[in-house]
Amino acid sequence: MDRHASVVKSATVFDLAGWIAEETRANGSVRTDAWLVNSPRARAPSPTVKITGNFRLTIDDHFQGWPLTTSIHRQPARLDLDILAQAKPQPNAKLDADSPLRLAIEQALSADEQNEALQSWHRGNQDLLGSEQVRQHWLNWFIAAGIWWMLMVFTSSLAINTLQFGWLLRERHRARRQFQWLASGKCSHCGYDLTGLEFMNGARSAG
């Protein structure tokens, strides 16, 4: 069974964009760096830093249950990269645990106190079994079950009443037809014309 079949709606709960850069240190070494676009560093970048690309980290929640939300499934984070030195962007990129770029992005998220987003990204990168985070709303489960029960009772009652009403209409129509047949001298069961049959039976009796 498709686990997304019962998803009622989806919502993006984190949409974080940032810059990727290389910082040249005093000893001539180059360090990969990153920061979010709304961080203080974005407004005053160091002159020793060269922008080399950008990234976007998005995290979605899938809401399940109707008429009330009974569970929320936090999806693994999705990382999209656009490196200037590369011809094409990298959608949904997967980075190694020791990748300098990954470590730089993690540091940028931590510096901006995006701990919840960082946790979701860790789960996706670690390829954990059942990497979705599920939050159950147990009270909504019981309320939704009660609503479904009442809907089933109402639907069943409506169906029974509809069938009874249809049967009464059918019986009323049959009774009216039998009355009309009798009034016109026909058999009340099959509608056969009985006109003259009484006279013929009487003549045979007299003969």
N, C-alpha and C. Protein backbone atom coordinates (compact mmCIF):
# COMPACT_ATOMS: atom_id res chain seq x y z
N MET A 1 0.85 -1.20 0.00
CA MET A 1 0.00 0.00 0.00
C MET A 1 0.88 1.24 0.00
N ASP A 2 0.49 2.24 -0.78
CA ASP A 2 1.24 3.49 -0.85
C ASP A 2 1.07 4.25 0.45
N ARG A 3 2.17 4.57 1.09
CA ARG A 3 2.09 5.25 2.40
C ARG A 3 1.62 6.68 2.25
N HIS A 4 1.65 7.24 1.00
CA HIS A 4 1.20 8.61 0.78
C HIS A 4 -0.25 8.65 0.29
N ALA A 5 -0.89 7.48 0.21
CA ALA A 5 -2.23 7.45 -0.36
C ALA A 5 -3.23 8.22 0.49
N SER A 6 -3.02 8.26 1.81
CA SER A 6 -3.97 8.91 2.69
C SER A 6 -3.54 10.32 3.10
N VAL A 7 -2.57 10.88 2.41
CA VAL A 7 -2.13 12.24 2.72
C VAL A 7 -3.22 13.22 2.30
N VAL A 8 -3.72 13.99 3.27
CA VAL A 8 -4.76 14.96 2.99
C VAL A 8 -4.18 16.24 2.41
N LYS A 9 -3.08 16.69 2.99
CA LYS A 9 -2.43 17.90 2.47
C LYS A 9 -0.97 17.88 2.86
N SER A 10 -0.19 18.69 2.17
CA SER A 10 1.24 18.85 2.47
C SER A 10 1.53 20.33 2.68
N ALA A 11 2.51 20.58 3.51
CA ALA A 11 2.90 21.97 3.79
C ALA A 11 4.41 22.02 3.98
N THR A 12 5.03 23.05 3.41
CA THR A 12 6.46 23.27 3.59
C THR A 12 6.66 24.04 4.90
N VAL A 13 7.32 23.40 5.85
CA VAL A 13 7.50 24.02 7.17
C VAL A 13 8.85 24.72 7.29
N PHE A 14 9.81 24.32 6.46
CA PHE A 14 11.11 24.99 6.44
C PHE A 14 11.51 25.22 4.99
N ASP A 15 11.87 26.45 4.69
CA ASP A 15 12.37 26.80 3.36
C ASP A 15 13.53 27.77 3.57
N LEU A 16 14.74 27.19 3.66
CA LEU A 16 15.93 27.95 4.05
C LEU A 16 16.88 28.04 2.86
N ALA A 17 17.21 29.26 2.48
CA ALA A 17 18.14 29.49 1.39
C ALA A 17 19.43 30.09 1.95
N GLY A 18 20.52 29.81 1.27
CA GLY A 18 21.80 30.32 1.76
C GLY A 18 22.85 30.37 0.66
N TRP A 19 23.98 30.95 1.02
CA TRP A 19 25.09 31.10 0.10
C TRP A 19 26.19 30.08 0.42
N ILE A 20 26.90 29.67 -0.61
CA ILE A 20 28.07 28.82 -0.47
C ILE A 20 29.28 29.64 -0.92
N ALA A 21 30.36 29.54 -0.17
CA ALA A 21 31.51 30.38 -0.48
C ALA A 21 32.81 29.65 -0.14
N GLU A 22 33.88 30.23 -0.60
CA GLU A 22 35.23 29.78 -0.24
C GLU A 22 35.96 30.93 0.41
N GLU A 23 36.54 30.65 1.56
CA GLU A 23 37.28 31.67 2.30
C GLU A 23 38.78 31.36 2.23
N THR A 24 39.52 32.34 1.76
CA THR A 24 40.98 32.19 1.69
C THR A 24 41.59 32.70 2.98
N ARG A 25 42.26 31.83 3.68
CA ARG A 25 42.85 32.19 4.96
C ARG A 25 44.22 32.84 4.77
N ALA A 26 44.78 33.34 5.88
CA ALA A 26 46.06 34.05 5.83
C ALA A 26 47.20 33.14 5.38
N ASN A 27 47.11 31.86 5.70
CA ASN A 27 48.17 30.93 5.30
C ASN A 27 47.99 30.40 3.88
N GLY A 28 46.98 30.91 3.18
CA GLY A 28 46.75 30.52 1.79
C GLY A 28 45.82 29.35 1.62
N SER A 29 45.39 28.68 2.69
CA SER A 29 44.45 27.56 2.58
C SER A 29 43.04 28.08 2.29
N VAL A 30 42.25 27.24 1.70
CA VAL A 30 40.88 27.60 1.32
C VAL A 30 39.91 26.75 2.14
N ARG A 31 38.93 27.41 2.72
CA ARG A 31 37.93 26.72 3.54
C ARG A 31 36.55 26.95 2.95
N THR A 32 35.78 25.85 2.86
CA THR A 32 34.40 25.95 2.40
C THR A 32 33.53 26.55 3.50
N ASP A 33 32.72 27.52 3.12
CA ASP A 33 31.89 28.22 4.10
C ASP A 33 30.47 28.31 3.56
N ALA A 34 29.54 28.56 4.45
CA ALA A 34 28.13 28.72 4.06
C ALA A 34 27.41 29.51 5.13
N TRP A 35 26.35 30.21 4.73
CA TRP A 35 25.51 30.93 5.68
C TRP A 35 24.15 31.16 5.05
N LEU A 36 23.16 31.37 5.89
CA LEU A 36 21.80 31.62 5.42
C LEU A 36 21.66 33.06 4.94
N VAL A 37 20.72 33.27 4.02
CA VAL A 37 20.58 34.59 3.41
C VAL A 37 20.10 35.64 4.41
N ASN A 38 19.43 35.20 5.48
CA ASN A 38 18.94 36.18 6.46
C ASN A 38 19.85 36.32 7.68
N SER A 39 21.02 35.74 7.61
CA SER A 39 21.95 35.84 8.73
C SER A 39 22.73 37.16 8.65
N PRO A 40 23.30 37.63 9.76
CA PRO A 40 24.09 38.86 9.73
C PRO A 40 25.27 38.80 8.75
N ARG A 41 25.84 37.63 8.55
CA ARG A 41 26.98 37.49 7.64
C ARG A 41 26.61 37.81 6.20
N ALA A 42 25.33 37.59 5.86
CA ALA A 42 24.90 37.87 4.48
C ALA A 42 24.92 39.36 4.18
N ARG A 43 24.78 40.18 5.22
CA ARG A 43 24.74 41.63 5.01
C ARG A 43 26.14 42.25 4.97
N ALA A 44 27.09 41.56 5.54
CA ALA A 44 28.46 42.10 5.57
C ALA A 44 29.47 40.98 5.36
N PRO A 45 29.56 40.45 4.14
CA PRO A 45 30.51 39.35 3.89
C PRO A 45 31.96 39.84 3.97
N SER A 46 32.81 38.93 4.37
CA SER A 46 34.23 39.25 4.48
C SER A 46 34.86 39.41 3.09
N PRO A 47 35.82 40.32 2.93
CA PRO A 47 36.47 40.49 1.62
C PRO A 47 37.30 39.27 1.21
N THR A 48 37.59 38.39 2.14
CA THR A 48 38.37 37.19 1.81
C THR A 48 37.48 36.03 1.36
N VAL A 49 36.19 36.30 1.27
CA VAL A 49 35.23 35.25 0.92
C VAL A 49 34.76 35.45 -0.52
N LYS A 50 34.72 34.34 -1.25
CA LYS A 50 34.26 34.35 -2.63
C LYS A 50 33.03 33.45 -2.76
N ILE A 51 31.92 34.02 -3.26
CA ILE A 51 30.69 33.24 -3.44
C ILE A 51 30.90 32.22 -4.56
N THR A 52 30.59 30.96 -4.26
CA THR A 52 30.75 29.89 -5.26
C THR A 52 29.43 29.21 -5.62
N GLY A 53 28.35 29.59 -4.97
CA GLY A 53 27.05 28.99 -5.29
C GLY A 53 26.03 29.28 -4.20
N ASN A 54 24.94 28.60 -4.27
CA ASN A 54 23.89 28.77 -3.27
C ASN A 54 23.21 27.43 -3.01
N PHE A 55 22.48 27.37 -1.91
CA PHE A 55 21.76 26.15 -1.55
C PHE A 55 20.37 26.50 -1.05
N ARG A 56 19.52 25.50 -1.07
CA ARG A 56 18.15 25.66 -0.56
C ARG A 56 17.75 24.37 0.14
N LEU A 57 17.35 24.49 1.40
CA LEU A 57 16.94 23.35 2.20
C LEU A 57 15.46 23.47 2.50
N THR A 58 14.67 22.48 2.06
CA THR A 58 13.23 22.51 2.28
C THR A 58 12.80 21.23 3.01
N ILE A 59 11.83 21.40 3.89
CA ILE A 59 11.29 20.28 4.66
C ILE A 59 9.76 20.39 4.62
N ASP A 60 9.11 19.28 4.28
CA ASP A 60 7.66 19.24 4.18
C ASP A 60 7.06 18.39 5.28
N ASP A 61 5.84 18.75 5.66
CA ASP A 61 5.02 17.94 6.55
C ASP A 61 3.84 17.40 5.76
N HIS A 62 3.56 16.11 5.93
CA HIS A 62 2.38 15.49 5.33
C HIS A 62 1.35 15.26 6.43
N PHE A 63 0.16 15.81 6.21
CA PHE A 63 -0.91 15.70 7.19
C PHE A 63 -1.87 14.59 6.76
N GLN A 64 -2.15 13.67 7.68
CA GLN A 64 -3.05 12.56 7.39
C GLN A 64 -4.22 12.57 8.36
N GLY A 65 -5.35 12.07 7.86
CA GLY A 65 -6.55 12.00 8.68
C GLY A 65 -7.62 12.96 8.22
N TRP A 66 -8.86 12.51 8.32
CA TRP A 66 -10.03 13.35 7.99
C TRP A 66 -11.20 12.88 8.84
N PRO A 67 -11.99 13.80 9.39
CA PRO A 67 -12.00 15.25 9.20
C PRO A 67 -10.97 16.00 10.05
N LEU A 68 -10.34 15.30 10.99
CA LEU A 68 -9.32 15.92 11.81
C LEU A 68 -7.96 15.31 11.48
N THR A 69 -6.92 16.10 11.64
CA THR A 69 -5.56 15.60 11.42
C THR A 69 -5.19 14.64 12.54
N THR A 70 -4.94 13.38 12.18
CA THR A 70 -4.62 12.37 13.18
C THR A 70 -3.11 12.11 13.30
N SER A 71 -2.34 12.48 12.28
CA SER A 71 -0.88 12.30 12.35
C SER A 71 -0.20 13.27 11.38
N ILE A 72 0.99 13.69 11.75
CA ILE A 72 1.81 14.58 10.92
C ILE A 72 3.13 13.87 10.65
N HIS A 73 3.46 13.70 9.38
CA HIS A 73 4.66 12.98 8.99
C HIS A 73 5.70 13.99 8.47
N ARG A 74 6.74 14.19 9.25
CA ARG A 74 7.82 15.09 8.86
C ARG A 74 8.73 14.37 7.87
N GLN A 75 8.84 14.92 6.68
CA GLN A 75 9.64 14.32 5.62
C GLN A 75 11.12 14.67 5.79
N PRO A 76 12.01 13.80 5.30
CA PRO A 76 13.45 14.15 5.32
C PRO A 76 13.71 15.43 4.54
N ALA A 77 14.71 16.16 4.97
CA ALA A 77 15.04 17.42 4.32
C ALA A 77 15.53 17.19 2.89
N ARG A 78 15.22 18.14 2.03
CA ARG A 78 15.66 18.09 0.64
C ARG A 78 16.64 19.25 0.42
N LEU A 79 17.81 18.92 -0.09
CA LEU A 79 18.85 19.91 -0.33
C LEU A 79 19.05 20.08 -1.84
N ASP A 80 18.88 21.31 -2.32
CA ASP A 80 19.14 21.65 -3.72
C ASP A 80 20.36 22.55 -3.78
N LEU A 81 21.30 22.19 -4.63
CA LEU A 81 22.55 22.94 -4.77
C LEU A 81 22.65 23.55 -6.16
N ASP A 82 23.23 24.71 -6.20
CA ASP A 82 23.54 25.37 -7.48
C ASP A 82 24.96 25.93 -7.37
N ILE A 83 25.91 25.13 -7.82
CA ILE A 83 27.32 25.50 -7.77
C ILE A 83 27.69 26.21 -9.08
N LEU A 84 28.28 27.40 -8.97
CA LEU A 84 28.56 28.19 -10.16
C LEU A 84 29.53 27.50 -11.11
N ALA A 85 30.46 26.71 -10.58
CA ALA A 85 31.45 26.05 -11.42
C ALA A 85 30.88 24.83 -12.15
N GLN A 86 29.67 24.41 -11.80
CA GLN A 86 29.05 23.26 -12.43
C GLN A 86 27.99 23.70 -13.41
N ALA A 87 27.83 22.92 -14.47
CA ALA A 87 26.93 23.31 -15.56
C ALA A 87 25.46 23.28 -15.15
N LYS A 88 25.10 22.32 -14.32
CA LYS A 88 23.70 22.16 -13.96
C LYS A 88 23.54 22.15 -12.44
N PRO A 89 22.38 22.61 -11.97
CA PRO A 89 22.08 22.52 -10.53
C PRO A 89 21.95 21.04 -10.11
N GLN A 90 22.06 20.80 -8.82
CA GLN A 90 21.93 19.46 -8.27
C GLN A 90 20.68 19.41 -7.38
N PRO A 91 19.56 18.96 -7.93
CA PRO A 91 18.35 18.84 -7.09
C PRO A 91 18.44 17.64 -6.17
N ASN A 92 17.95 17.81 -4.95
CA ASN A 92 17.92 16.75 -3.95
C ASN A 92 19.29 16.08 -3.81
N ALA A 93 20.30 16.90 -3.58
CA ALA A 93 21.68 16.40 -3.49
C ALA A 93 21.91 15.64 -2.20
N LYS A 94 22.71 14.58 -2.28
CA LYS A 94 23.12 13.80 -1.12
C LYS A 94 24.62 14.01 -0.91
N LEU A 95 24.99 14.45 0.27
CA LEU A 95 26.38 14.73 0.58
C LEU A 95 26.92 13.72 1.58
N ASP A 96 28.18 13.36 1.41
CA ASP A 96 28.83 12.45 2.35
C ASP A 96 28.95 13.08 3.73
N ALA A 97 29.08 12.21 4.73
CA ALA A 97 29.13 12.70 6.10
C ALA A 97 30.33 13.61 6.34
N ASP A 98 31.45 13.36 5.64
CA ASP A 98 32.65 14.16 5.85
C ASP A 98 32.84 15.22 4.76
N SER A 99 31.78 15.48 4.00
CA SER A 99 31.88 16.49 2.94
C SER A 99 32.07 17.88 3.55
N PRO A 100 33.06 18.64 3.11
CA PRO A 100 33.24 20.00 3.64
C PRO A 100 32.02 20.88 3.42
N LEU A 101 31.32 20.67 2.30
CA LEU A 101 30.12 21.48 2.03
C LEU A 101 29.01 21.14 3.02
N ARG A 102 28.84 19.86 3.31
CA ARG A 102 27.82 19.48 4.28
C ARG A 102 28.14 20.04 5.65
N LEU A 103 29.38 19.94 6.07
CA LEU A 103 29.77 20.47 7.38
C LEU A 103 29.56 21.98 7.45
N ALA A 104 29.81 22.66 6.33
CA ALA A 104 29.61 24.11 6.31
C ALA A 104 28.13 24.47 6.42
N ILE A 105 27.28 23.72 5.72
CA ILE A 105 25.83 23.98 5.78
C ILE A 105 25.30 23.66 7.17
N GLU A 106 25.78 22.58 7.76
CA GLU A 106 25.35 22.23 9.13
C GLU A 106 25.75 23.34 10.10
N GLN A 107 26.94 23.87 9.93
CA GLN A 107 27.38 24.96 10.82
C GLN A 107 26.53 26.20 10.62
N ALA A 108 26.13 26.47 9.36
CA ALA A 108 25.28 27.63 9.09
C ALA A 108 23.91 27.45 9.75
N LEU A 109 23.34 26.24 9.68
CA LEU A 109 22.05 25.99 10.32
C LEU A 109 22.16 26.10 11.83
N SER A 110 23.24 25.58 12.38
CA SER A 110 23.43 25.64 13.83
C SER A 110 23.62 27.08 14.29
N ALA A 111 24.37 27.88 13.53
CA ALA A 111 24.60 29.27 13.91
C ALA A 111 23.31 30.08 13.90
N ASP A 112 22.37 29.69 13.03
CA ASP A 112 21.09 30.39 12.94
C ASP A 112 20.02 29.73 13.81
N GLU A 113 20.44 28.76 14.63
CA GLU A 113 19.56 28.05 15.57
C GLU A 113 18.41 27.35 14.86
N GLN A 114 18.71 26.79 13.70
CA GLN A 114 17.73 25.99 12.97
C GLN A 114 17.92 24.52 13.32
N ASN A 115 17.77 24.23 14.62
CA ASN A 115 18.06 22.88 15.10
C ASN A 115 17.06 21.84 14.59
N GLU A 116 15.81 22.23 14.48
CA GLU A 116 14.80 21.28 14.00
C GLU A 116 15.04 20.91 12.55
N ALA A 117 15.39 21.90 11.74
CA ALA A 117 15.71 21.63 10.34
C ALA A 117 16.98 20.79 10.23
N LEU A 118 17.94 21.07 11.08
CA LEU A 118 19.19 20.31 11.07
C LEU A 118 18.95 18.85 11.43
N GLN A 119 18.06 18.60 12.37
CA GLN A 119 17.74 17.23 12.76
C GLN A 119 17.09 16.47 11.60
N SER A 120 16.16 17.11 10.91
CA SER A 120 15.51 16.45 9.78
C SER A 120 16.51 16.17 8.67
N TRP A 121 17.44 17.08 8.46
CA TRP A 121 18.45 16.86 7.42
C TRP A 121 19.38 15.70 7.81
N HIS A 122 19.72 15.60 9.08
CA HIS A 122 20.54 14.49 9.54
C HIS A 122 19.87 13.15 9.26
N ARG A 123 18.57 13.09 9.52
CA ARG A 123 17.84 11.83 9.30
C ARG A 123 17.86 11.46 7.83
N GLY A 124 17.68 12.42 6.95
CA GLY A 124 17.70 12.12 5.51
C GLY A 124 19.06 11.70 5.02
N ASN A 125 20.13 12.34 5.51
CA ASN A 125 21.48 12.02 5.07
C ASN A 125 21.96 10.69 5.63
N GLN A 126 21.47 10.33 6.82
CA GLN A 126 21.87 9.06 7.41
C GLN A 126 21.10 7.89 6.84
N ASP A 127 20.08 8.20 5.98
CA ASP A 127 19.29 7.16 5.33
C ASP A 127 18.73 6.19 6.36
N LEU A 128 18.12 6.74 7.41
CA LEU A 128 17.58 5.92 8.49
C LEU A 128 16.33 5.19 8.02
N LEU A 129 16.15 3.98 8.55
CA LEU A 129 14.93 3.24 8.26
C LEU A 129 13.75 3.98 8.88
N GLY A 130 12.74 4.26 8.04
CA GLY A 130 11.61 5.03 8.54
C GLY A 130 12.03 6.44 8.90
N SER A 131 12.71 7.12 7.97
CA SER A 131 13.29 8.43 8.25
C SER A 131 12.24 9.50 8.46
N GLU A 132 10.97 9.18 8.21
CA GLU A 132 9.92 10.12 8.53
C GLU A 132 9.76 10.22 10.05
N GLN A 133 9.56 11.43 10.51
CA GLN A 133 9.21 11.65 11.91
C GLN A 133 7.69 11.76 11.99
N VAL A 134 7.09 10.93 12.82
CA VAL A 134 5.63 10.88 12.89
C VAL A 134 5.17 11.39 14.24
N ARG A 135 4.27 12.35 14.20
CA ARG A 135 3.65 12.86 15.42
C ARG A 135 2.17 12.47 15.40
N GLN A 136 1.78 11.64 16.35
CA GLN A 136 0.40 11.18 16.43
C GLN A 136 -0.43 12.13 17.29
N HIS A 137 -1.64 12.43 16.83
CA HIS A 137 -2.59 13.22 17.60
C HIS A 137 -3.68 12.27 18.09
N TRP A 138 -3.43 11.65 19.24
CA TRP A 138 -4.32 10.59 19.71
C TRP A 138 -5.71 11.09 20.02
N LEU A 139 -5.83 12.29 20.57
CA LEU A 139 -7.16 12.82 20.86
C LEU A 139 -7.97 12.96 19.58
N ASN A 140 -7.31 13.45 18.52
CA ASN A 140 -8.00 13.58 17.23
C ASN A 140 -8.39 12.22 16.66
N TRP A 141 -7.57 11.19 16.96
CA TRP A 141 -7.92 9.83 16.52
C TRP A 141 -9.29 9.44 17.09
N PHE A 142 -9.49 9.63 18.39
CA PHE A 142 -10.74 9.22 19.02
C PHE A 142 -11.91 10.07 18.54
N ILE A 143 -11.67 11.39 18.39
CA ILE A 143 -12.74 12.27 17.91
C ILE A 143 -13.12 11.90 16.48
N ALA A 144 -12.12 11.67 15.62
CA ALA A 144 -12.39 11.31 14.23
C ALA A 144 -13.13 9.98 14.15
N ALA A 145 -12.74 9.01 15.02
CA ALA A 145 -13.43 7.71 15.01
C ALA A 145 -14.90 7.88 15.39
N GLY A 146 -15.17 8.76 16.38
CA GLY A 146 -16.56 9.03 16.76
C GLY A 146 -17.34 9.68 15.64
N ILE A 147 -16.70 10.62 14.93
CA ILE A 147 -17.38 11.28 13.80
C ILE A 147 -17.69 10.28 12.70
N TRP A 148 -16.71 9.41 12.39
CA TRP A 148 -16.93 8.39 11.36
C TRP A 148 -18.06 7.45 11.77
N TRP A 149 -18.13 7.07 13.05
CA TRP A 149 -19.19 6.19 13.52
C TRP A 149 -20.55 6.85 13.34
N MET A 150 -20.65 8.13 13.70
CA MET A 150 -21.92 8.83 13.54
C MET A 150 -22.30 8.96 12.06
N LEU A 151 -21.31 9.19 11.20
CA LEU A 151 -21.60 9.27 9.76
C LEU A 151 -22.11 7.93 9.23
N MET A 152 -21.50 6.83 9.71
CA MET A 152 -21.94 5.51 9.26
C MET A 152 -23.37 5.23 9.72
N VAL A 153 -23.67 5.59 10.97
CA VAL A 153 -25.03 5.38 11.48
C VAL A 153 -26.03 6.21 10.69
N PHE A 154 -25.70 7.46 10.42
CA PHE A 154 -26.59 8.33 9.67
C PHE A 154 -26.79 7.81 8.25
N THR A 155 -25.69 7.38 7.61
CA THR A 155 -25.79 6.87 6.24
C THR A 155 -26.63 5.60 6.18
N SER A 156 -26.42 4.70 7.15
CA SER A 156 -27.20 3.47 7.18
C SER A 156 -28.68 3.77 7.40
N SER A 157 -28.98 4.67 8.33
CA SER A 157 -30.36 5.03 8.59
C SER A 157 -31.00 5.66 7.37
N LEU A 158 -30.26 6.52 6.69
CA LEU A 158 -30.79 7.16 5.48
C LEU A 158 -31.07 6.13 4.40
N ALA A 159 -30.17 5.16 4.24
CA ALA A 159 -30.36 4.13 3.21
C ALA A 159 -31.59 3.28 3.53
N ILE A 160 -31.76 2.90 4.81
CA ILE A 160 -32.92 2.08 5.20
C ILE A 160 -34.21 2.84 4.99
N ASN A 161 -34.24 4.10 5.40
CA ASN A 161 -35.45 4.92 5.22
C ASN A 161 -35.77 5.12 3.74
N THR A 162 -34.74 5.28 2.93
CA THR A 162 -34.97 5.45 1.49
C THR A 162 -35.57 4.19 0.89
N LEU A 163 -35.06 3.02 1.29
CA LEU A 163 -35.61 1.76 0.79
C LEU A 163 -37.05 1.56 1.25
N GLN A 164 -37.34 1.90 2.50
CA GLN A 164 -38.71 1.78 2.99
C GLN A 164 -39.66 2.71 2.25
N PHE A 165 -39.21 3.92 1.99
CA PHE A 165 -40.05 4.88 1.26
C PHE A 165 -40.31 4.39 -0.16
N GLY A 166 -39.27 3.82 -0.78
CA GLY A 166 -39.45 3.29 -2.13
C GLY A 166 -40.43 2.13 -2.15
N TRP A 167 -40.36 1.25 -1.13
CA TRP A 167 -41.28 0.12 -1.05
C TRP A 167 -42.72 0.60 -0.85
N LEU A 168 -42.92 1.61 0.00
CA LEU A 168 -44.26 2.15 0.23
C LEU A 168 -44.82 2.77 -1.05
N LEU A 169 -44.01 3.48 -1.79
CA LEU A 169 -44.47 4.06 -3.06
C LEU A 169 -44.88 2.97 -4.04
N ARG A 170 -44.09 1.89 -4.06
CA ARG A 170 -44.41 0.78 -4.97
C ARG A 170 -45.73 0.12 -4.58
N GLU A 171 -45.92 -0.11 -3.27
CA GLU A 171 -47.16 -0.72 -2.83
C GLU A 171 -48.36 0.19 -3.08
N ARG A 172 -48.17 1.47 -2.90
CA ARG A 172 -49.27 2.41 -3.15
C ARG A 172 -49.64 2.42 -4.63
N HIS A 173 -48.64 2.40 -5.47
CA HIS A 173 -48.91 2.37 -6.91
C HIS A 173 -49.62 1.07 -7.30
N ARG A 174 -49.22 -0.07 -6.71
CA ARG A 174 -49.86 -1.35 -7.03
C ARG A 174 -51.31 -1.37 -6.58
N ALA A 175 -51.58 -0.83 -5.35
CA ALA A 175 -52.95 -0.80 -4.85
C ALA A 175 -53.84 0.10 -5.72
N ARG A 176 -53.30 1.22 -6.14
CA ARG A 176 -54.08 2.14 -6.99
C ARG A 176 -54.38 1.48 -8.33
N ARG A 177 -53.44 0.74 -8.88
CA ARG A 177 -53.65 0.08 -10.17
C ARG A 177 -54.71 -1.02 -10.05
N GLN A 178 -54.67 -1.78 -8.94
CA GLN A 178 -55.67 -2.82 -8.73
C GLN A 178 -57.07 -2.22 -8.61
N PHE A 179 -57.16 -1.09 -7.92
CA PHE A 179 -58.46 -0.43 -7.77
C PHE A 179 -58.99 0.03 -9.12
N GLN A 180 -58.10 0.59 -9.94
CA GLN A 180 -58.52 1.04 -11.27
C GLN A 180 -58.94 -0.13 -12.15
N TRP A 181 -58.26 -1.27 -12.03
CA TRP A 181 -58.65 -2.45 -12.82
C TRP A 181 -60.03 -2.95 -12.41
N LEU A 182 -60.24 -3.01 -11.08
CA LEU A 182 -61.55 -3.47 -10.61
C LEU A 182 -62.67 -2.54 -11.07
N ALA A 183 -62.41 -1.24 -11.00
CA ALA A 183 -63.42 -0.26 -11.40
C ALA A 183 -63.77 -0.36 -12.88
N SER A 184 -62.84 -0.80 -13.69
CA SER A 184 -63.07 -0.90 -15.14
C SER A 184 -63.42 -2.32 -15.58
N GLY A 185 -63.72 -3.20 -14.61
CA GLY A 185 -64.13 -4.56 -14.95
C GLY A 185 -63.00 -5.47 -15.36
N LYS A 186 -61.84 -5.27 -14.81
CA LYS A 186 -60.70 -6.12 -15.13
C LYS A 186 -60.28 -6.91 -13.89
N CYS A 187 -59.48 -7.93 -14.15
CA CYS A 187 -58.95 -8.72 -13.05
C CYS A 187 -57.99 -7.86 -12.22
N SER A 188 -58.17 -7.91 -10.90
CA SER A 188 -57.34 -7.06 -10.04
C SER A 188 -55.90 -7.56 -9.93
N HIS A 189 -55.65 -8.77 -10.36
CA HIS A 189 -54.31 -9.34 -10.24
C HIS A 189 -53.49 -9.18 -11.52
N CYS A 190 -54.14 -9.43 -12.66
CA CYS A 190 -53.38 -9.39 -13.91
C CYS A 190 -53.87 -8.34 -14.89
N GLY A 191 -55.06 -7.73 -14.63
CA GLY A 191 -55.57 -6.70 -15.51
C GLY A 191 -56.31 -7.23 -16.73
N TYR A 192 -56.64 -8.53 -16.71
CA TYR A 192 -57.35 -9.10 -17.86
C TYR A 192 -58.77 -8.56 -17.89
N ASP A 193 -59.28 -8.25 -19.09
CA ASP A 193 -60.62 -7.68 -19.25
C ASP A 193 -61.66 -8.78 -19.02
N LEU A 194 -62.50 -8.60 -18.01
CA LEU A 194 -63.51 -9.59 -17.65
C LEU A 194 -64.90 -9.22 -18.17
N THR A 195 -65.01 -8.21 -19.00
CA THR A 195 -66.32 -7.77 -19.51
C THR A 195 -66.99 -8.90 -20.30
N GLY A 196 -68.25 -9.23 -19.94
CA GLY A 196 -69.02 -10.27 -20.65
C GLY A 196 -68.85 -11.66 -20.11
N LEU A 197 -67.84 -11.88 -19.30
CA LEU A 197 -67.61 -13.23 -18.79
C LEU A 197 -68.72 -13.64 -17.82
N GLU A 198 -69.25 -12.72 -17.02
CA GLU A 198 -70.31 -13.04 -16.08
C GLU A 198 -71.58 -13.46 -16.81
N PHE A 199 -71.90 -12.78 -17.94
CA PHE A 199 -73.10 -13.12 -18.72
C PHE A 199 -72.97 -14.50 -19.33
N MET A 200 -71.78 -14.80 -19.87
CA MET A 200 -71.56 -16.10 -20.48
C MET A 200 -71.67 -17.20 -19.46
N ASN A 201 -71.12 -17.00 -18.26
CA ASN A 201 -71.23 -18.02 -17.21
C ASN A 201 -72.68 -18.23 -16.81
N GLY A 202 -73.47 -17.11 -16.76
CA GLY A 202 -74.89 -17.23 -16.40
C GLY A 202 -75.70 -17.97 -17.46
N ALA A 203 -75.38 -17.73 -18.75
CA ALA A 203 -76.10 -18.39 -19.85
C ALA A 203 -75.84 -19.88 -19.83
N ARG A 204 -74.55 -20.24 -19.55
CA ARG A 204 -74.22 -21.67 -19.49
C ARG A 204 -74.98 -22.35 -18.35
N SER A 205 -75.12 -21.66 -17.23
CA SER A 205 -75.84 -22.24 -16.10
C SER A 205 -77.31 -22.44 -16.44
N ALA A 206 -77.92 -21.46 -17.17
CA ALA A 206 -79.34 -21.57 -17.56
C ALA A 206 -79.54 -22.70 -18.57
N GLY A 207 -78.57 -22.93 -19.44
CA GLY A 207 -78.70 -23.99 -20.44
C GLY A 207 -78.59 -25.34 -19.78
